Amino acid sequence: MEQQLYQLETDPELRRLTAPLNLAEFNEMEEEIKKNGGAKGVKVWGKTILVDYEYYEYCHKQKIPFCIVSISLETWTEAVAWICKNQLFRKSLSEAMKKYLIGKRSMAERTIGLRQMRRLENHVDQQDCTVMKLARHNISRTHVRERIGAEYFLTYITVRKYESYAQAIDILYVFSPEFVETHLAGRLKVSFEKIDRLVALSPGAVCSECQRMMQESSESRQGLVKGLRIMKESKTEMLPAVSIKNMPVYDPDAEIVSLSLTIPSWTSSILRVRDVSNIAETSSEARCRLREALISLKSTTDKMLYVLREDIDGRI
C-alpha cells in the first residue's frame, strides 16, 4: 500500500472501544515510527479508523506518510467484535476495560451469528434439520458466552455479567462521558452493583451522582498524596543522624518479629478470598494457580516450623 498522509474518519462509538496508549506503549510506537516510518500503517474499515489512533495522529503531526491496512468487515457490528478482540490482547488494559470489551464482544458476536443464520436459512433446504439445528446452537447465548469465556478463562455466568455491565456502561456514557472514561481508564473503581444502581436512577440523578463520585475520588487521591507526603517529611525529620559511634545495635530477633507481624495479613487475605469469592464462577486456571501458591506456602511453613523446633522430638 502506498504511503501518504491519508485523511481518515473516526467513529466515536468505535473509538470508545480503544484504550489510549500508556507512556511505555506510546514511546514504543514513537521509536517504531522513527525507525520504519509509516510502514506499519493504520488499520481501517473503509475510511474509518479501527485502532491505531495515536499512530495516525502522530504521523499527521510529524508529517510522516503512512500506509493503511484494510480489514475486511461487512457490518458495523463486525467492526465492534474485531476491535474488542484486537484490544483484549493488550496487557495494559484496566480490569474495567477488559470486562467492558468482553461484554461488548459477546453481544456483538451473537448479533453477527443471528445475521449469518438468517442468510443460511435462505440457502439451505428447510428439511435439512441437522444444519439448522447446528446453526441455532452456534448462535445461542449459552454457546457464544461459553466460547468467549473459554478464551479468557471465564465461566458462562461471568461473561453474561460482563454483557450486562457493558450495556450499563453504554447507558451511563450518554449522561456522563467523563465518568465512563475515568472509570474504564482505571482511575475510578466502581463495583457492578453501583453501576447497576446508577443506571436505575433518573437522568438528572445519574449526572449528579456521577459527578459526586468523581469528586470524592479526586479528593480521596489528593488526600492520600498529601498524607504520604506528610508521612515522608515526618520520617525525614525524625530520623537521627547516624554515625559510626551511634550505629544501630544488631537485633537477632528483628527479622523473626517482622515476619510474625506480616503473617496475620496473609491469613486475613486468605480468609477474605474464601468468604467473599464465588469459587464456582472462577476459572480453573485461577484456582490451579492459587492451589499451587498455597501448597508452596504450606511447604515453606512446614520447613520454618522444623527450623523453629525447640525440643529434640520436634515439638515447639
Protein backbone atom coordinates (compact mmCIF):
# COMPACT_ATOMS: atom_id res chain seq x y z
CA MET A 1 0.00 0.00 0.00
CA GLU A 2 1.28 3.44 -0.95
CA GLN A 3 2.40 5.64 1.91
CA GLN A 4 0.89 9.11 2.17
CA LEU A 5 -0.89 11.36 4.67
CA TYR A 6 -4.33 9.76 4.36
CA GLN A 7 -7.34 11.66 5.67
CA LEU A 8 -9.35 9.11 7.64
CA GLU A 9 -12.60 9.17 9.61
CA THR A 10 -13.27 8.43 13.27
CA ASP A 11 -16.39 6.77 14.70
CA PRO A 12 -16.82 7.96 18.34
CA GLU A 13 -18.50 4.71 19.43
CA LEU A 14 -15.76 2.58 17.91
CA ARG A 15 -13.04 4.78 19.38
CA ARG A 16 -14.51 4.26 22.84
CA LEU A 17 -13.53 0.59 22.49
CA THR A 18 -9.84 1.51 22.18
CA ALA A 19 -7.97 2.42 25.36
CA PRO A 20 -5.38 5.22 24.98
CA LEU A 21 -1.75 4.09 24.87
CA ASN A 22 0.13 4.39 28.13
CA LEU A 23 3.52 6.13 28.22
CA ALA A 24 5.53 2.96 27.56
CA GLU A 25 3.32 1.98 24.62
CA PHE A 26 3.47 5.50 23.17
CA ASN A 27 7.27 5.60 23.43
CA GLU A 28 7.49 2.19 21.76
CA MET A 29 5.21 3.41 18.93
CA GLU A 30 7.29 6.58 18.52
CA GLU A 31 10.55 4.60 18.28
CA GLU A 32 8.99 2.23 15.74
CA ILE A 33 7.86 5.14 13.52
CA LYS A 34 11.28 6.82 13.74
CA LYS A 35 12.89 3.55 12.68
CA ASN A 36 10.48 2.36 9.98
CA GLY A 37 8.44 5.43 9.06
CA GLY A 38 4.75 4.74 8.43
CA ALA A 39 5.30 1.20 7.15
CA LYS A 40 3.30 -0.45 9.95
CA GLY A 41 0.23 1.53 8.93
CA VAL A 42 -3.21 2.26 10.37
CA LYS A 43 -5.88 -0.46 10.42
CA VAL A 44 -9.11 0.76 8.83
CA TRP A 45 -12.55 -0.38 7.77
CA GLY A 46 -13.20 1.55 4.60
CA LYS A 47 -12.10 5.05 5.63
CA THR A 48 -12.87 4.56 9.32
CA ILE A 49 -10.03 4.02 11.78
CA LEU A 50 -10.42 0.82 13.79
CA VAL A 51 -7.39 1.17 16.08
CA ASP A 52 -4.01 2.99 15.88
CA TYR A 53 -5.48 6.44 16.65
CA GLU A 54 -2.28 7.72 18.24
CA TYR A 55 -0.28 6.35 15.31
CA TYR A 56 -2.48 8.25 12.85
CA GLU A 57 -2.32 11.50 14.85
CA TYR A 58 1.44 11.25 15.40
CA CYS A 59 2.14 10.71 11.69
CA HIS A 60 -0.02 13.71 10.77
CA LYS A 61 1.63 15.89 13.41
CA GLN A 62 5.12 14.96 12.23
CA LYS A 63 4.14 14.96 8.52
CA ILE A 64 5.20 11.32 8.13
CA PRO A 65 3.47 9.44 5.25
CA PHE A 66 1.94 6.14 6.31
CA CYS A 67 0.12 3.22 4.72
CA ILE A 68 -3.30 1.88 5.61
CA VAL A 69 -4.20 -1.75 6.36
CA SER A 70 -7.74 -2.54 5.24
CA ILE A 71 -9.67 -5.03 7.39
CA SER A 72 -12.41 -6.91 5.54
CA LEU A 73 -15.63 -6.43 7.50
CA GLU A 74 -19.25 -6.32 6.34
CA THR A 75 -21.06 -4.53 9.14
CA TRP A 76 -20.53 -2.08 11.98
CA THR A 77 -21.19 -4.90 14.46
CA GLU A 78 -18.36 -6.92 12.93
CA ALA A 79 -16.12 -3.87 13.44
CA VAL A 80 -17.11 -3.83 17.14
CA ALA A 81 -16.28 -7.53 17.56
CA TRP A 82 -12.97 -7.15 15.70
CA ILE A 83 -11.84 -4.16 17.78
CA CYS A 84 -12.76 -5.84 21.08
CA LYS A 85 -10.81 -8.98 20.20
CA ASN A 86 -7.85 -6.90 19.00
CA GLN A 87 -7.73 -4.75 22.14
CA LEU A 88 -8.07 -7.67 24.55
CA PHE A 89 -4.57 -8.81 23.55
CA ARG A 90 -3.16 -5.69 25.25
CA LYS A 91 -1.68 -6.23 28.72
CA SER A 92 -2.03 -2.57 29.76
CA LEU A 93 -5.85 -2.55 29.88
CA SER A 94 -7.55 -1.79 33.18
CA GLU A 95 -9.76 -4.52 34.66
CA ALA A 96 -12.83 -2.37 33.98
CA MET A 97 -11.89 -2.01 30.30
CA LYS A 98 -11.27 -5.75 29.93
CA LYS A 99 -14.70 -6.58 31.35
CA TYR A 100 -16.36 -3.97 29.15
CA LEU A 101 -14.69 -5.29 25.98
CA ILE A 102 -15.51 -8.92 26.77
CA GLY A 103 -19.17 -7.98 27.29
CA LYS A 104 -19.28 -5.94 24.07
CA ARG A 105 -17.59 -8.70 22.07
CA SER A 106 -20.01 -11.36 23.33
CA MET A 107 -23.09 -9.32 22.38
CA ALA A 108 -21.63 -8.34 19.01
CA GLU A 109 -20.68 -11.88 18.02
CA ARG A 110 -24.14 -13.18 18.83
CA THR A 111 -25.69 -10.47 16.62
CA ILE A 112 -23.29 -11.45 13.83
CA GLY A 113 -24.31 -15.09 14.28
CA LEU A 114 -28.02 -14.26 14.01
CA ARG A 115 -27.38 -12.43 10.74
CA GLN A 116 -25.41 -15.35 9.35
CA MET A 117 -28.13 -17.81 10.35
CA ARG A 118 -30.83 -15.78 8.56
CA ARG A 119 -28.63 -15.82 5.47
CA LEU A 120 -28.23 -19.58 5.84
CA GLU A 121 -32.00 -20.08 6.11
CA ASN A 122 -32.39 -18.56 2.66
CA HIS A 123 -29.94 -21.01 1.06
CA VAL A 124 -30.45 -24.25 2.98
CA ASP A 125 -33.33 -26.64 2.45
CA GLN A 126 -35.61 -26.36 5.49
CA GLN A 127 -35.76 -30.15 5.53
CA ASP A 128 -32.07 -30.23 6.47
CA CYS A 129 -32.74 -30.09 10.20
CA THR A 130 -29.19 -31.06 11.18
CA VAL A 131 -27.61 -27.99 9.58
CA MET A 132 -30.19 -25.58 11.02
CA LYS A 133 -30.01 -27.17 14.46
CA LEU A 134 -26.23 -26.75 14.50
CA ALA A 135 -26.53 -23.14 13.30
CA ARG A 136 -29.03 -22.28 16.04
CA HIS A 137 -26.79 -23.90 18.65
CA ASN A 138 -23.75 -21.92 17.50
CA ILE A 139 -25.54 -18.57 17.93
CA SER A 140 -27.25 -19.39 21.20
CA ARG A 141 -26.41 -17.11 24.11
CA THR A 142 -25.02 -20.04 26.07
CA HIS A 143 -22.71 -21.25 23.30
CA VAL A 144 -21.34 -17.80 22.47
CA ARG A 145 -20.72 -16.98 26.13
CA GLU A 146 -19.06 -20.34 26.77
CA ARG A 147 -16.85 -19.98 23.69
CA ILE A 148 -15.70 -16.45 24.56
CA GLY A 149 -15.38 -17.36 28.24
CA ALA A 150 -13.04 -20.21 27.34
CA GLU A 151 -10.72 -17.74 25.56
CA TYR A 152 -10.36 -15.59 28.67
CA PHE A 153 -10.65 -18.36 31.31
CA LEU A 154 -14.10 -17.21 32.43
CA THR A 155 -17.34 -19.03 33.09
CA TYR A 156 -20.56 -18.62 31.14
CA ILE A 157 -22.11 -16.75 34.08
CA THR A 158 -19.22 -14.27 34.26
CA VAL A 159 -19.47 -13.41 30.54
CA ARG A 160 -23.21 -12.85 31.00
CA LYS A 161 -22.45 -10.49 33.87
CA TYR A 162 -19.97 -8.61 31.68
CA GLU A 163 -22.64 -8.20 28.98
CA SER A 164 -24.98 -6.51 31.47
CA TYR A 165 -22.07 -4.38 32.68
CA ALA A 166 -21.24 -3.26 29.13
CA GLN A 167 -24.86 -2.32 28.46
CA ALA A 168 -24.96 -0.26 31.66
CA ILE A 169 -21.68 1.49 30.77
CA ASP A 170 -23.08 2.48 27.36
CA ILE A 171 -26.17 3.97 29.04
CA LEU A 172 -24.06 5.92 31.55
CA TYR A 173 -21.88 7.28 28.74
CA VAL A 174 -24.90 9.15 27.37
CA PHE A 175 -25.27 11.07 30.65
CA SER A 176 -21.67 11.33 31.82
CA PRO A 177 -18.92 10.55 29.27
CA GLU A 178 -16.23 11.81 31.66
CA PHE A 179 -17.35 9.39 34.38
CA VAL A 180 -17.24 6.42 32.00
CA GLU A 181 -13.84 7.36 30.54
CA THR A 182 -12.37 7.83 34.02
CA HIS A 183 -13.80 4.51 35.19
CA LEU A 184 -12.67 2.49 32.14
CA ALA A 185 -9.19 4.01 32.40
CA GLY A 186 -8.93 2.51 35.90
CA ARG A 187 -8.81 5.84 37.74
CA LEU A 188 -12.25 5.39 39.33
CA LYS A 189 -13.11 1.96 40.73
CA VAL A 190 -16.87 1.28 40.83
CA SER A 191 -18.47 -2.10 41.57
CA PHE A 192 -21.02 -3.80 39.30
CA GLU A 193 -23.67 -3.18 41.95
CA LYS A 194 -23.04 0.58 41.98
CA ILE A 195 -23.10 0.70 38.17
CA ASP A 196 -26.49 -1.06 38.20
CA ARG A 197 -27.84 1.37 40.80
CA LEU A 198 -26.65 4.35 38.76
CA VAL A 199 -28.44 3.12 35.64
CA ALA A 200 -31.70 2.77 37.60
CA LEU A 201 -31.67 6.47 38.60
CA SER A 202 -33.40 9.29 36.73
CA PRO A 203 -31.29 11.13 34.11
CA GLY A 204 -30.75 14.15 36.36
CA ALA A 205 -29.83 11.99 39.33
CA VAL A 206 -27.39 9.95 37.22
CA CYS A 207 -25.46 13.07 36.21
CA SER A 208 -25.24 14.46 39.73
CA GLU A 209 -24.29 11.10 41.27
CA CYS A 210 -21.55 10.51 38.68
CA GLN A 211 -20.18 13.97 39.35
CA ARG A 212 -20.26 13.37 43.12
CA MET A 213 -18.40 10.05 42.81
CA MET A 214 -15.69 11.59 40.62
CA GLN A 215 -15.29 14.49 43.06
CA GLU A 216 -14.99 12.15 46.04
CA SER A 217 -12.44 10.02 44.20
CA SER A 218 -10.40 13.09 43.29
CA GLU A 219 -10.45 14.39 46.86
CA SER A 220 -9.52 10.95 48.17
CA ARG A 221 -6.50 10.73 45.85
CA GLN A 222 -5.40 14.24 46.80
CA GLY A 223 -5.76 13.37 50.49
CA LEU A 224 -3.73 10.18 50.05
CA VAL A 225 -0.93 12.00 48.23
CA LYS A 226 -0.90 14.73 50.88
CA GLY A 227 -0.86 12.16 53.68
CA LEU A 228 2.03 10.25 52.13
CA ARG A 229 3.99 13.48 51.68
CA ILE A 230 3.43 14.44 55.34
CA MET A 231 4.49 10.97 56.49
CA LYS A 232 7.63 11.15 54.37
CA GLU A 233 8.51 14.58 55.73
CA SER A 234 7.84 13.45 59.30
CA LYS A 235 10.05 10.40 58.94
CA THR A 236 12.81 12.53 57.47
CA GLU A 237 12.63 14.92 60.43
CA MET A 238 12.53 12.09 62.98
CA LEU A 239 15.45 10.12 61.57
CA PRO A 240 18.53 10.75 63.72
CA ALA A 241 21.88 11.37 62.12
CA VAL A 242 23.73 8.06 62.06
CA SER A 243 27.47 7.95 62.54
CA ILE A 244 29.94 5.22 63.30
CA LYS A 245 29.56 5.98 67.00
CA ASN A 246 25.76 5.55 67.11
CA MET A 247 25.19 2.79 64.55
CA PRO A 248 22.08 0.68 65.40
CA VAL A 249 22.72 -2.29 67.65
CA TYR A 250 22.24 -5.64 65.90
CA ASP A 251 18.94 -7.27 66.96
CA PRO A 252 18.83 -11.03 66.22
CA ASP A 253 15.02 -11.08 66.75
CA ALA A 254 14.25 -8.31 64.22
CA GLU A 255 13.63 -10.48 61.15
CA ILE A 256 11.52 -13.05 63.02
CA VAL A 257 9.42 -10.36 64.74
CA SER A 258 8.86 -8.63 61.39
CA LEU A 259 7.72 -11.89 59.79
CA SER A 260 5.37 -12.69 62.68
CA LEU A 261 3.73 -9.28 62.24
CA THR A 262 3.31 -9.81 58.49
CA ILE A 263 1.75 -13.29 58.53
CA PRO A 264 -1.63 -12.19 60.03
CA SER A 265 -2.24 -10.08 56.92
CA TRP A 266 -1.72 -13.19 54.75
CA THR A 267 -4.19 -15.12 56.89
CA SER A 268 -6.71 -12.29 56.64
CA SER A 269 -6.36 -12.18 52.84
CA ILE A 270 -6.85 -15.93 52.51
CA LEU A 271 -9.97 -15.90 54.72
CA ARG A 272 -11.39 -12.90 52.85
CA VAL A 273 -11.00 -14.61 49.46
CA ARG A 274 -12.53 -17.80 50.84
CA ASP A 275 -15.57 -15.98 52.29
CA VAL A 276 -16.17 -13.35 49.58
CA SER A 277 -15.26 -15.05 46.28
CA ASN A 278 -17.75 -17.20 44.39
CA ILE A 279 -15.43 -20.13 43.72
CA ALA A 280 -17.89 -21.67 41.24
CA GLU A 281 -17.53 -18.64 38.95
CA THR A 282 -13.73 -18.60 38.93
CA SER A 283 -11.68 -20.14 36.12
CA SER A 284 -9.84 -23.44 36.55
CA GLU A 285 -6.57 -21.64 35.72
CA ALA A 286 -7.05 -19.17 38.58
CA ARG A 287 -7.92 -21.98 41.03
CA CYS A 288 -4.88 -24.03 39.97
CA ARG A 289 -2.62 -21.01 40.37
CA LEU A 290 -3.92 -20.34 43.89
CA ARG A 291 -3.69 -24.03 44.81
CA GLU A 292 -0.03 -24.17 43.74
CA ALA A 293 0.75 -20.99 45.69
CA LEU A 294 -0.94 -22.37 48.83
CA ILE A 295 0.91 -25.70 48.55
CA SER A 296 4.18 -23.82 48.20
CA LEU A 297 3.28 -21.65 51.21
CA LYS A 298 2.41 -24.75 53.27
CA SER A 299 5.71 -26.40 52.32
CA THR A 300 7.66 -23.26 53.27
CA THR A 301 5.72 -23.00 56.55
CA ASP A 302 6.46 -26.64 57.44
CA LYS A 303 10.17 -26.07 56.82
CA MET A 304 10.12 -22.96 59.01
CA LEU A 305 8.33 -24.81 61.81
CA TYR A 306 11.00 -27.52 61.61
CA VAL A 307 13.75 -24.90 61.98
CA LEU A 308 11.94 -23.34 64.97
CA ARG A 309 11.60 -26.62 66.88
CA GLU A 310 12.96 -26.42 70.45
CA ASP A 311 12.59 -29.91 71.80
CA ILE A 312 14.63 -32.81 70.47
CA ASP A 313 11.48 -34.63 69.41
CA GLY A 314 10.46 -31.70 67.17
CA ARG A 315 7.84 -30.10 69.40
CA ILE A 316 7.77 -26.30 69.66
